[in-house]
C-alpha atoms as a PDB file:
ATOM      1  CA  UNK A   1      48.270  75.335 115.205  1.00  0.00           C
ATOM      2  CA  UNK A   2      45.791  78.100 114.409  1.00  0.00           C
ATOM      3  CA  UNK A   3      42.860  76.912 112.274  1.00  0.00           C
ATOM      4  CA  UNK A   4      41.732  78.631 109.106  1.00  0.00           C
ATOM      5  CA  UNK A   5      38.995  81.164 109.958  1.00  0.00           C
ATOM      6  CA  UNK A   6      35.720  80.819 108.073  1.00  0.00           C
ATOM      7  CA  UNK A   7      34.872  83.879 105.971  1.00  0.00           C
ATOM      8  CA  UNK A   8      31.979  85.901 107.438  1.00  0.00           C
ATOM      9  CA  UNK A   9      28.933  86.465 105.274  1.00  0.00           C
ATOM     10  CA  UNK A  10      26.754  89.573 105.203  1.00  0.00           C
ATOM     11  CA  UNK A  11      25.796  90.616 108.737  1.00  0.00           C
ATOM     12  CA  UNK A  12      28.207  88.114 110.326  1.00  0.00           C
ATOM     13  CA  UNK A  13      31.304  88.504 112.487  1.00  0.00           C
ATOM     14  CA  UNK A  14      34.339  86.239 112.544  1.00  0.00           C
ATOM     15  CA  UNK A  15      35.498  85.379 116.049  1.00  0.00           C
ATOM     16  CA  UNK A  16      39.019  85.542 114.609  1.00  0.00           C
ATOM     17  CA  UNK A  17      38.558  89.303 114.225  1.00  0.00           C
ATOM     18  CA  UNK A  18      37.816  89.673 117.956  1.00  0.00           C
ATOM     19  CA  UNK A  19      40.681  91.052 120.065  1.00  0.00           C
ATOM     20  CA  UNK A  20      43.007  89.485 122.586  1.00  0.00           C
ATOM     21  CA  UNK A  21      42.862  90.645 125.323  1.00  0.00           C
ATOM     22  CA  UNK A  22      39.076  90.586 125.085  1.00  0.00           C
ATOM     23  CA  UNK A  23      36.842  93.625 124.723  1.00  0.00           C
ATOM     24  CA  UNK A  24      33.563  94.422 126.477  1.00  0.00           C
ATOM     25  CA  UNK A  25      30.892  96.135 124.403  1.00  0.00           C
ATOM     26  CA  UNK A  26      27.261  97.042 125.070  1.00  0.00           C
ATOM     27  CA  UNK A  27      24.490  95.311 123.153  1.00  0.00           C
ATOM     28  CA  UNK A  28      20.857  96.258 122.618  1.00  0.00           C
ATOM     29  CA  UNK A  29      19.897  92.822 121.287  1.00  0.00           C
ATOM     30  CA  UNK A  30      17.039  91.148 123.154  1.00  0.00           C
ATOM     31  CA  UNK A  31      18.656  88.448 125.307  1.00  0.00           C
ATOM     32  CA  UNK A  32      16.505  85.887 127.131  1.00  0.00           C
ATOM     33  CA  UNK A  33      17.290  82.948 129.426  1.00  0.00           C
ATOM     34  CA  UNK A  34      14.729  80.154 129.919  1.00  0.00           C
ATOM     35  CA  UNK A  35      14.628  77.550 132.666  1.00  0.00           C
ATOM     36  CA  UNK A  36      11.809  75.262 133.756  1.00  0.00           C
ATOM     37  CA  UNK A  37       9.641  76.611 130.938  1.00  0.00           C
ATOM     38  CA  UNK A  38       9.935  80.171 132.292  1.00  0.00           C
ATOM     39  CA  UNK A  39      11.828  83.255 131.191  1.00  0.00           C
ATOM     40  CA  UNK A  40      14.200  83.855 134.113  1.00  0.00           C
ATOM     41  CA  UNK A  41      16.003  86.809 132.523  1.00  0.00           C
ATOM     42  CA  UNK A  42      15.234  89.252 129.739  1.00  0.00           C
ATOM     43  CA  UNK A  43      17.335  92.267 128.779  1.00  0.00           C
ATOM     44  CA  UNK A  44      18.166  94.713 126.008  1.00  0.00           C
ATOM     45  CA  UNK A  45      20.991  96.197 128.112  1.00  0.00           C
ATOM     46  CA  UNK A  46      23.554  93.411 127.992  1.00  0.00           C
ATOM     47  CA  UNK A  47      27.308  93.355 127.567  1.00  0.00           C
ATOM     48  CA  UNK A  48      29.152  91.142 125.117  1.00  0.00           C
ATOM     49  CA  UNK A  49      32.674  89.966 125.879  1.00  0.00           C
ATOM     50  CA  UNK A  50      34.512  89.369 122.613  1.00  0.00           C
ATOM     51  CA  UNK A  51      37.744  87.354 122.566  1.00  0.00           C
ATOM     52  CA  UNK A  52      39.710  85.873 119.685  1.00  0.00           C
ATOM     53  CA  UNK A  53      38.448  82.397 118.725  1.00  0.00           C
ATOM     54  CA  UNK A  54      35.479  82.502 121.150  1.00  0.00           C
ATOM     55  CA  UNK A  55      31.829  83.162 120.389  1.00  0.00           C
ATOM     56  CA  UNK A  56      30.537  86.158 122.384  1.00  0.00           C
ATOM     57  CA  UNK A  57      29.621  85.698 126.013  1.00  0.00           C
ATOM     58  CA  UNK A  58      26.585  87.767 127.009  1.00  0.00           C
ATOM     59  CA  UNK A  59      26.397  89.330 130.471  1.00  0.00           C
ATOM     60  CA  UNK A  60      22.958  90.400 131.694  1.00  0.00           C
ATOM     61  CA  UNK A  61      22.349  92.943 134.466  1.00  0.00           C
ATOM     62  CA  UNK A  62      21.468  91.199 137.744  1.00  0.00           C
ATOM     63  CA  UNK A  63      18.370  93.405 137.911  1.00  0.00           C
ATOM     64  CA  UNK A  64      17.059  91.835 134.677  1.00  0.00           C
ATOM     65  CA  UNK A  65      16.755  88.373 136.241  1.00  0.00           C
ATOM     66  CA  UNK A  66      13.454  87.556 137.919  1.00  0.00           C
ATOM     67  CA  UNK A  67      13.598  87.896 141.666  1.00  0.00           C
ATOM     68  CA  UNK A  68      15.077  84.791 143.291  1.00  0.00           C
ATOM     69  CA  UNK A  69      16.411  83.334 140.024  1.00  0.00           C
ATOM     70  CA  UNK A  70      20.058  83.721 141.080  1.00  0.00           C
ATOM     71  CA  UNK A  71      21.277  81.897 144.188  1.00  0.00           C
ATOM     72  CA  UNK A  72      24.963  82.148 145.209  1.00  0.00           C
ATOM     73  CA  UNK A  73      26.837  78.890 144.663  1.00  0.00           C
ATOM     74  CA  UNK A  74      30.155  77.608 145.966  1.00  0.00           C
ATOM     75  CA  UNK A  75      33.461  77.830 144.183  1.00  0.00           C
ATOM     76  CA  UNK A  76      35.426  80.313 142.127  1.00  0.00           C
ATOM     77  CA  UNK A  77      37.471  80.325 138.961  1.00  0.00           C
ATOM     78  CA  UNK A  78      40.032  82.795 137.710  1.00  0.00           C
ATOM     79  CA  UNK A  79      40.264  84.457 134.304  1.00  0.00           C
ATOM     80  CA  UNK A  80      43.572  86.055 133.388  1.00  0.00           C
ATOM     81  CA  UNK A  81      41.675  88.987 131.832  1.00  0.00           C
ATOM     82  CA  UNK A  82      38.656  89.504 134.083  1.00  0.00           C
ATOM     83  CA  UNK A  83      39.780  88.226 137.497  1.00  0.00           C
ATOM     84  CA  UNK A  84      37.996  85.988 139.984  1.00  0.00           C
ATOM     85  CA  UNK A  85      34.539  84.739 139.043  1.00  0.00           C
ATOM     86  CA  UNK A  86      31.835  83.837 141.547  1.00  0.00           C
ATOM     87  CA  UNK A  87      29.070  81.392 140.639  1.00  0.00           C
ATOM     88  CA  UNK A  88      25.320  81.244 141.042  1.00  0.00           C
ATOM     89  CA  UNK A  89      22.671  78.589 140.577  1.00  0.00           C
ATOM     90  CA  UNK A  90      19.823  79.614 138.293  1.00  0.00           C
ATOM     91  CA  UNK A  91      16.618  78.663 140.093  1.00  0.00           C
ATOM     92  CA  UNK A  92      12.883  78.441 139.406  1.00  0.00           C
ATOM     93  CA  UNK A  93      10.310  76.617 141.532  1.00  0.00           C
ATOM     94  CA  UNK A  94      10.625  73.356 139.595  1.00  0.00           C
ATOM     95  CA  UNK A  95      14.283  73.380 138.496  1.00  0.00           C
ATOM     96  CA  UNK A  96      17.792  74.333 139.561  1.00  0.00           C
ATOM     97  CA  UNK A  97      20.629  74.763 137.066  1.00  0.00           C
ATOM     98  CA  UNK A  98      23.662  74.330 139.319  1.00  0.00           C
ATOM     99  CA  UNK A  99      26.482  76.847 138.810  1.00  0.00           C
ATOM    100  CA  UNK A 100      24.942  77.905 135.504  1.00  0.00           C
ATOM    101  CA  UNK A 101      25.705  81.610 136.001  1.00  0.00           C
ATOM    102  CA  UNK A 102      28.799  83.553 136.982  1.00  0.00           C
ATOM    103  CA  UNK A 103      29.803  87.109 137.737  1.00  0.00           C
ATOM    104  CA  UNK A 104      32.910  89.158 138.451  1.00  0.00           C
ATOM    105  CA  UNK A 105      32.239  91.097 141.687  1.00  0.00           C
ATOM    106  CA  UNK A 106      35.683  92.771 141.571  1.00  0.00           C
ATOM    107  CA  UNK A 107      36.966  92.523 137.984  1.00  0.00           C
ATOM    108  CA  UNK A 108      40.431  93.490 136.828  1.00  0.00           C
ATOM    109  CA  UNK A 109      40.893  96.996 135.396  1.00  0.00           C
ATOM    110  CA  UNK A 110      39.281  97.327 131.998  1.00  0.00           C
ATOM    111  CA  UNK A 111      36.395  95.005 132.871  1.00  0.00           C
ATOM    112  CA  UNK A 112      34.637  97.121 135.515  1.00  0.00           C
ATOM    113  CA  UNK A 113      31.490  97.214 133.350  1.00  0.00           C
ATOM    114  CA  UNK A 114      30.873  93.551 134.279  1.00  0.00           C
ATOM    115  CA  UNK A 115      30.092  94.402 137.924  1.00  0.00           C
ATOM    116  CA  UNK A 116      26.468  93.447 138.748  1.00  0.00           C
ATOM    117  CA  UNK A 117      26.167  91.434 135.508  1.00  0.00           C
ATOM    118  CA  UNK A 118      25.832  87.661 135.126  1.00  0.00           C
ATOM    119  CA  UNK A 119      26.730  85.375 132.247  1.00  0.00           C
ATOM    120  CA  UNK A 120      24.839  82.113 131.792  1.00  0.00           C
ATOM    121  CA  UNK A 121      26.159  78.826 130.439  1.00  0.00           C
ATOM    122  CA  UNK A 122      23.695  78.111 127.604  1.00  0.00           C
ATOM    123  CA  UNK A 123      24.080  74.336 127.835  1.00  0.00           C
ATOM    124  CA  UNK A 124      22.957  74.271 131.481  1.00  0.00           C
ATOM    125  CA  UNK A 125      19.576  75.982 131.066  1.00  0.00           C
ATOM    126  CA  UNK A 126      16.597  75.185 128.827  1.00  0.00           C
ATOM    127  CA  UNK A 127      17.554  77.841 126.289  1.00  0.00           C
ATOM    128  CA  UNK A 128      19.246  81.163 125.729  1.00  0.00           C
ATOM    129  CA  UNK A 129      18.010  83.398 122.925  1.00  0.00           C
ATOM    130  CA  UNK A 130      19.422  86.436 121.144  1.00  0.00           C
ATOM    131  CA  UNK A 131      16.800  88.413 119.234  1.00  0.00           C
ATOM    132  CA  UNK A 132      14.620  85.287 119.195  1.00  0.00           C
ATOM    133  CA  UNK A 133      17.344  82.961 117.878  1.00  0.00           C
ATOM    134  CA  UNK A 134      18.137  79.949 120.055  1.00  0.00           C
ATOM    135  CA  UNK A 135      21.813  79.946 121.012  1.00  0.00           C
ATOM    136  CA  UNK A 136      24.105  76.953 120.544  1.00  0.00           C
ATOM    137  CA  UNK A 137      26.485  76.425 123.476  1.00  0.00           C
ATOM    138  CA  UNK A 138      30.215  76.655 122.864  1.00  0.00           C
ATOM    139  CA  UNK A 139      31.770  73.186 122.900  1.00  0.00           C
ATOM    140  CA  UNK A 140      33.783  71.879 125.798  1.00  0.00           C
ATOM    141  CA  UNK A 141      31.717  72.756 128.845  1.00  0.00           C
ATOM    142  CA  UNK A 142      34.217  75.314 130.188  1.00  0.00           C
ATOM    143  CA  UNK A 143      33.721  78.396 128.037  1.00  0.00           C
ATOM    144  CA  UNK A 144      30.408  80.237 128.070  1.00  0.00           C
ATOM    145  CA  UNK A 145      30.206  81.487 124.491  1.00  0.00           C
ATOM    146  CA  UNK A 146      26.881  81.903 122.732  1.00  0.00           C
ATOM    147  CA  UNK A 147      26.870  80.749 119.098  1.00  0.00           C
ATOM    148  CA  UNK A 148      24.297  82.337 116.804  1.00  0.00           C
ATOM    149  CA  UNK A 149      24.079  82.712 113.040  1.00  0.00           C
ATOM    150  CA  UNK A 150      25.737  86.113 113.532  1.00  0.00           C
ATOM    151  CA  UNK A 151      29.177  84.589 114.257  1.00  0.00           C
ATOM    152  CA  UNK A 152      31.478  82.228 112.374  1.00  0.00           C
ATOM    153  CA  UNK A 153      34.444  80.230 113.684  1.00  0.00           C
ATOM    154  CA  UNK A 154      35.910  77.780 114.074  1.00  0.00           C
ATOM    155  CA  UNK A 155      35.376  78.196 117.817  1.00  0.00           C
ATOM    156  CA  UNK A 156      37.732  77.305 120.650  1.00  0.00           C
ATOM    157  CA  UNK A 157      36.464  74.669 123.082  1.00  0.00           C
ATOM    158  CA  UNK A 158      36.208  71.600 120.900  1.00  0.00           C
ATOM    159  CA  UNK A 159      38.728  68.775 120.566  1.00  0.00           C
ATOM    160  CA  UNK A 160      42.282  69.847 119.688  1.00  0.00           C
ATOM    161  CA  UNK A 161      41.578  73.573 120.249  1.00  0.00           C
ATOM    162  CA  UNK A 162      43.452  74.010 123.533  1.00  0.00           C
ATOM    163  CA  UNK A 163      46.504  75.708 121.977  1.00  0.00           C
ATOM    164  CA  UNK A 164      44.624  78.253 119.876  1.00  0.00           C
END
């Protein structure tokens, strides 16, 4: 059963207004990823993937990660919209966040913009920030949505949300 969407306030978006299939859109927000007390990625040239009931997932250009911060990891998953994802560990000298990032090397038509971009699971690194605001990870550990004060839900990923 579909939940009742929360009404967005000024400057907010409802994830229930996002499309299905998802849409990719450019963002000029300052996006940062921190691990081991260091900024491992910083970009104002990100892509947001917007899908009904999900907070946005931010994809950063590979070139905007510090050198050596992304290390290929084993395993793949498949998204019906984007195709086969490959994983990467996010690494700094003192810390490794295993399989915390993923990319689509050969995405399905319509998602070609994601080539050479990586998303990061916010709950697996020290912090992810959007324009200085610390992101809250989407519940459930599978989806990589970034919750900020800019979006309202309810969000898929929590208990009893599988059929949304």
